Amino acid sequence: MSLRVLSGSSVVFLALTFLAAPSRAGREAAIPPGQAQIPGTSTLDDQVDLAVTVYNSDLALVRDTRNVAIAQGTSDLHFMDIAATVNPATVHFPSLTEPARVGVLEQNYEYDLLEPAKLLHKYVGRDVTLVRTKDGREEEVRAHLISDNNGPVWQIDGEIVTGMSATHIRFPELPGNLYSRPTLIWTLDNTGALRHRVEASYLAGALAWNADYVLTVTRDERAADLDGWVTLKNGSGTSFRNASLQLVAGDLNRVRQELDR
């Protein structure tokens, strides 16, 4: 059977462990003054194994195994390069190295991706530099963004200004709550080693497959060749390089919560 991959836009249950998370103030108090933990980051460069099981119901199970560095104590880990269509409620994150020594205190899914409109909106209440062309020369204007509802409202030299055009806008830095690609952020409690092999598993949508078959009969109609093609459609927003792929046919039975009427 041949496999054709198009890039584009049994039932497995994930066991979720709920841990009582201390308050943020309590977590900060556990870190000595002047020794704030720097969030760790994991990208595709840390990946050692990837398995994708695709059902023909627009759903896939992803198992992403990586070697990561986790600071001892309480720290954040930014797990990047995941599917944009991830269902955060299905995420499971254990340490394969020392499962009992790494616990998840808090999980966040950051899907507020970096784009010009969102970047400007994040700068409400802050200063930026407006650059416009005047008489063939660039002119810089320091402006304070008061509001960004249906258009920016600026404060320039003590005056409130709207409708001011600029060729481009310069921002002093990138806000910490904007990400260039979908990211899972865990607050972890590590009482073990500094290096761990971890596995993030989750369900993601916008992944599907279908099979097409061609039967070619010989001229004497005594024999035939059967060719099969599998078309895999990936609209998850990420690529799965060197993945171990499984395709599951049939209807997927998912547990649905019945509400009392």
Protein backbone atom coordinates (compact mmCIF):
# COMPACT_ATOMS: atom_id res chain seq x y z
CA MET A 1 0.00 0.00 0.00
CA SER A 2 1.29 3.46 -0.89
CA LEU A 3 0.94 6.48 1.40
CA ARG A 4 0.17 9.94 0.13
CA VAL A 5 0.47 12.77 2.66
CA LEU A 6 -1.20 16.10 2.10
CA SER A 7 -0.11 18.97 4.32
CA GLY A 8 -2.75 21.59 4.92
CA SER A 9 -4.47 23.63 6.84
CA SER A 10 -9.43 0.72 19.92
CA VAL A 11 -10.49 3.66 22.28
CA VAL A 12 -7.73 5.27 24.32
CA PHE A 13 -8.60 6.83 27.66
CA LEU A 14 -6.26 9.43 29.11
CA ALA A 15 -5.90 9.22 32.87
CA LEU A 16 -5.83 12.70 34.38
CA THR A 17 -4.28 13.22 37.78
CA PHE A 18 -5.56 16.19 39.74
CA LEU A 19 -3.12 17.68 42.24
CA ALA A 20 -3.92 20.36 44.76
CA ALA A 21 -2.01 23.40 43.56
CA PRO A 22 -0.63 25.80 46.13
CA SER A 23 -1.43 29.45 45.77
CA ARG A 24 0.85 31.57 43.59
CA ALA A 25 1.97 33.44 46.71
CA GLY A 26 2.89 30.13 48.31
CA ARG A 27 4.88 29.08 45.24
CA GLU A 28 6.75 32.37 45.16
CA ALA A 29 7.55 32.10 48.84
CA ALA A 30 9.16 28.71 48.22
CA ILE A 31 11.75 30.33 45.92
CA PRO A 32 14.52 32.16 47.77
CA PRO A 33 14.74 35.92 47.06
CA GLY A 34 16.93 36.73 44.08
CA GLN A 35 16.67 33.15 42.78
CA ALA A 36 13.51 33.31 40.65
CA GLN A 37 13.19 30.33 38.35
CA ILE A 38 13.58 31.01 34.64
CA PRO A 39 10.85 29.18 32.65
CA GLY A 40 12.18 26.21 30.71
CA THR A 41 11.39 25.81 27.02
CA SER A 42 11.01 22.64 24.98
CA THR A 43 10.91 22.60 21.17
CA LEU A 44 11.10 19.99 18.42
CA ASP A 45 14.87 19.85 18.98
CA ASP A 46 14.17 17.95 22.24
CA GLN A 47 11.90 15.41 20.57
CA VAL A 48 13.02 11.77 20.65
CA ASP A 49 9.84 9.97 19.66
CA LEU A 50 6.49 10.90 18.13
CA ALA A 51 3.47 8.66 17.59
CA VAL A 52 0.25 9.77 15.91
CA THR A 53 -2.91 7.67 15.74
CA VAL A 54 -5.40 9.14 13.28
CA TYR A 55 -9.07 8.16 13.31
CA ASN A 56 -11.34 8.79 10.35
CA SER A 57 -13.53 11.04 12.50
CA ASP A 58 -11.43 14.22 12.33
CA LEU A 59 -9.51 13.27 15.45
CA ALA A 60 -6.04 12.04 16.35
CA LEU A 61 -4.13 10.92 19.42
CA VAL A 62 -0.64 12.42 19.65
CA ARG A 63 2.14 11.07 21.89
CA ASP A 64 5.12 13.41 21.96
CA THR A 65 8.20 12.19 23.86
CA ARG A 66 11.04 14.60 24.63
CA ASN A 67 14.15 14.96 26.77
CA VAL A 68 13.78 18.16 28.77
CA ALA A 69 15.50 20.02 31.58
CA ILE A 70 13.30 20.69 34.61
CA ALA A 71 14.58 22.84 37.46
CA GLN A 72 14.28 21.42 40.94
CA GLY A 73 11.46 22.80 43.02
CA THR A 74 8.64 24.75 41.41
CA SER A 75 9.17 26.05 37.88
CA ASP A 76 7.38 26.58 34.56
CA LEU A 77 7.95 24.57 31.40
CA HIS A 78 6.90 25.96 28.01
CA PHE A 79 6.13 22.98 25.75
CA MET A 80 6.10 24.36 22.21
CA ASP A 81 5.43 23.02 18.70
CA ILE A 82 2.18 21.27 19.52
CA ALA A 83 -0.98 20.98 17.43
CA ALA A 84 -3.02 24.18 17.39
CA THR A 85 -6.18 22.05 17.52
CA VAL A 86 -5.21 20.36 20.80
CA ASN A 87 -8.01 19.66 23.27
CA PRO A 88 -6.43 20.94 26.52
CA ALA A 89 -8.77 18.82 28.67
CA THR A 90 -7.19 15.63 27.28
CA VAL A 91 -3.54 16.52 27.94
CA HIS A 92 -1.55 14.05 30.05
CA PHE A 93 2.03 14.85 31.06
CA PRO A 94 4.08 12.32 33.06
CA SER A 95 7.81 11.99 33.55
CA LEU A 96 8.98 8.67 32.17
CA THR A 97 12.25 8.98 34.09
CA GLU A 98 10.87 9.55 37.60
CA PRO A 99 7.05 9.59 37.49
CA ALA A 100 6.65 9.99 41.25
CA ARG A 101 9.00 12.96 41.50
CA VAL A 102 7.48 15.31 38.91
CA GLY A 103 3.98 16.64 39.50
CA VAL A 104 1.86 19.08 37.51
CA LEU A 105 0.57 21.92 39.69
CA GLU A 106 -0.98 24.01 36.94
CA GLN A 107 -1.55 23.81 33.18
CA ASN A 108 -2.26 26.57 30.66
CA TYR A 109 -2.76 26.44 26.91
CA GLU A 110 -1.52 29.60 25.20
CA TYR A 111 -3.24 30.05 21.88
CA ASP A 112 -3.01 33.85 21.79
CA LEU A 113 -0.59 33.83 18.87
CA LEU A 114 1.56 36.69 17.72
CA GLU A 115 0.05 38.88 15.01
CA PRO A 116 0.09 42.68 14.40
CA ALA A 117 -3.44 43.42 15.67
CA LYS A 118 -2.95 41.44 18.89
CA LEU A 119 0.48 42.93 19.45
CA LEU A 120 -0.96 46.46 19.26
CA HIS A 121 -3.84 45.54 21.57
CA LYS A 122 -1.40 44.22 24.19
CA TYR A 123 0.25 47.66 24.27
CA VAL A 124 -2.82 49.50 25.59
CA GLY A 125 -1.51 51.71 28.40
CA ARG A 126 2.07 51.67 27.08
CA ASP A 127 4.26 53.78 24.82
CA VAL A 128 5.24 52.94 21.24
CA THR A 129 6.98 54.76 18.40
CA LEU A 130 4.92 55.71 15.35
CA VAL A 131 6.96 56.08 12.18
CA ARG A 132 5.56 58.02 9.23
CA THR A 133 7.05 59.42 6.04
CA LYS A 134 7.08 63.17 5.59
CA ASP A 135 8.72 64.88 2.61
CA GLY A 136 10.54 61.64 1.79
CA ARG A 137 12.02 61.32 5.27
CA GLU A 138 10.99 59.18 8.19
CA GLU A 139 9.59 60.98 11.21
CA GLU A 140 9.33 59.29 14.60
CA VAL A 141 6.52 60.20 17.01
CA ARG A 142 6.42 58.91 20.57
CA ALA A 143 2.82 57.97 21.41
CA HIS A 144 0.92 56.50 24.35
CA LEU A 145 -1.80 54.01 23.38
CA ILE A 146 -4.92 54.81 25.43
CA SER A 147 -7.38 52.45 23.74
CA ASP A 148 -7.63 50.04 20.83
CA ASN A 149 -11.34 49.48 20.25
CA ASN A 150 -12.29 49.75 16.56
CA GLY A 151 -9.10 51.75 16.03
CA PRO A 152 -6.26 53.08 18.17
CA VAL A 153 -6.60 56.18 20.36
CA TRP A 154 -3.29 57.91 21.08
CA GLN A 155 -2.04 60.48 23.55
CA ILE A 156 0.66 62.60 21.91
CA ASP A 157 2.17 65.68 23.57
CA GLY A 158 -0.76 65.91 25.97
CA GLU A 159 -3.41 65.70 23.23
CA ILE A 160 -5.80 62.88 22.37
CA VAL A 161 -5.32 61.80 18.75
CA THR A 162 -7.33 59.42 16.56
CA GLY A 163 -7.07 58.51 12.88
CA MET A 164 -3.32 59.08 12.80
CA SER A 165 -1.69 57.05 10.04
CA ALA A 166 1.76 55.55 10.30
CA THR A 167 3.85 53.57 7.86
CA HIS A 168 4.84 51.25 10.69
CA ILE A 169 4.94 51.01 14.49
CA ARG A 170 7.97 50.18 16.60
CA PHE A 171 7.49 48.26 19.83
CA PRO A 172 10.21 48.20 22.51
CA GLU A 173 9.71 44.51 23.33
CA LEU A 174 7.52 41.47 22.81
CA PRO A 175 4.86 40.97 25.51
CA GLY A 176 5.35 37.80 27.51
CA ASN A 177 1.76 36.67 26.96
CA LEU A 178 2.02 36.43 23.17
CA TYR A 179 3.50 33.35 21.52
CA SER A 180 4.74 32.70 18.01
CA ARG A 181 3.15 29.22 18.01
CA PRO A 182 0.74 27.23 20.21
CA THR A 183 2.29 26.39 23.57
CA LEU A 184 1.38 24.33 26.60
CA ILE A 185 2.69 25.77 29.86
CA TRP A 186 2.99 23.62 32.95
CA THR A 187 3.89 24.68 36.46
CA LEU A 188 5.83 21.68 37.73
CA ASP A 189 7.06 20.46 41.10
CA ASN A 190 10.28 18.51 40.61
CA THR A 191 11.94 16.70 43.50
CA GLY A 192 14.09 14.51 41.29
CA ALA A 193 16.77 14.85 38.63
CA LEU A 194 17.33 17.88 36.42
CA ARG A 195 16.93 15.93 33.15
CA HIS A 196 13.79 13.96 32.41
CA ARG A 197 12.29 12.06 29.53
CA VAL A 198 8.65 13.15 29.42
CA GLU A 199 5.63 12.26 27.29
CA ALA A 200 2.86 14.68 26.41
CA SER A 201 -0.20 12.95 25.03
CA TYR A 202 -3.34 14.69 23.83
CA LEU A 203 -6.23 14.56 21.38
CA ALA A 204 -6.19 16.96 18.44
CA GLY A 205 -8.75 17.79 15.80
CA ALA A 206 -8.52 18.59 12.08
CA LEU A 207 -6.68 15.36 11.31
CA ALA A 208 -8.37 12.76 9.13
CA TRP A 209 -7.69 10.09 6.54
CA ASN A 210 -9.44 8.16 3.84
CA ALA A 211 -8.52 5.25 1.57
CA ASP A 212 -9.01 4.86 -2.18
CA TYR A 213 -8.60 1.60 -4.07
CA VAL A 214 -8.02 0.92 -7.76
CA LEU A 215 -8.61 -2.56 -9.22
CA THR A 216 -6.88 -3.19 -12.56
CA VAL A 217 -7.96 -6.33 -14.44
CA THR A 218 -5.70 -8.01 -17.01
CA ARG A 219 -6.79 -8.28 -20.65
CA ASP A 220 -7.69 -11.96 -20.29
CA GLU A 221 -9.67 -11.14 -17.12
CA ARG A 222 -7.94 -13.94 -15.21
CA ALA A 223 -5.95 -11.78 -12.81
CA ALA A 224 -6.07 -8.33 -11.29
CA ASP A 225 -3.91 -5.87 -9.37
CA LEU A 226 -5.33 -3.98 -6.38
CA ASP A 227 -3.65 -0.69 -5.48
CA GLY A 228 -4.52 1.24 -2.35
CA TRP A 229 -3.88 4.90 -1.59
CA VAL A 230 -4.24 6.56 1.78
CA THR A 231 -4.77 10.32 1.87
CA LEU A 232 -3.92 11.95 5.19
CA LYS A 233 -5.22 15.47 5.76
CA ASN A 234 -3.43 17.56 8.37
CA GLY A 235 -5.12 20.81 9.38
CA SER A 236 -3.76 20.83 12.93
CA GLY A 237 -1.40 23.75 12.37
CA THR A 238 1.80 21.78 12.91
CA SER A 239 3.84 19.14 11.12
CA PHE A 240 4.61 15.74 12.57
CA ARG A 241 8.09 14.93 11.33
CA ASN A 242 9.40 11.36 11.58
CA ALA A 243 6.19 10.28 13.31
CA SER A 244 5.11 6.69 13.80
CA LEU A 245 1.70 6.67 12.13
CA GLN A 246 -1.31 4.48 12.83
CA LEU A 247 -4.61 4.72 10.99
CA VAL A 248 -7.78 3.46 12.67
CA ALA A 249 -10.98 2.80 10.73
CA GLY A 250 -14.50 2.67 12.06
CA ASP A 251 -16.57 4.87 14.31
CA LEU A 252 -14.91 6.10 17.48
CA ASN A 253 -17.09 5.71 20.56
CA ARG A 254 -16.57 8.65 22.89
CA VAL A 255 -18.05 8.93 26.35
CA ARG A 256 -20.66 11.68 26.48
CA GLN A 257 -21.93 13.19 29.66
CA GLU A 258 -25.70 12.94 29.90
CA LEU A 259 -27.34 15.91 31.56
CA ASP A 260 -30.36 15.38 33.77
CA ARG A 261 -33.41 17.08 32.39
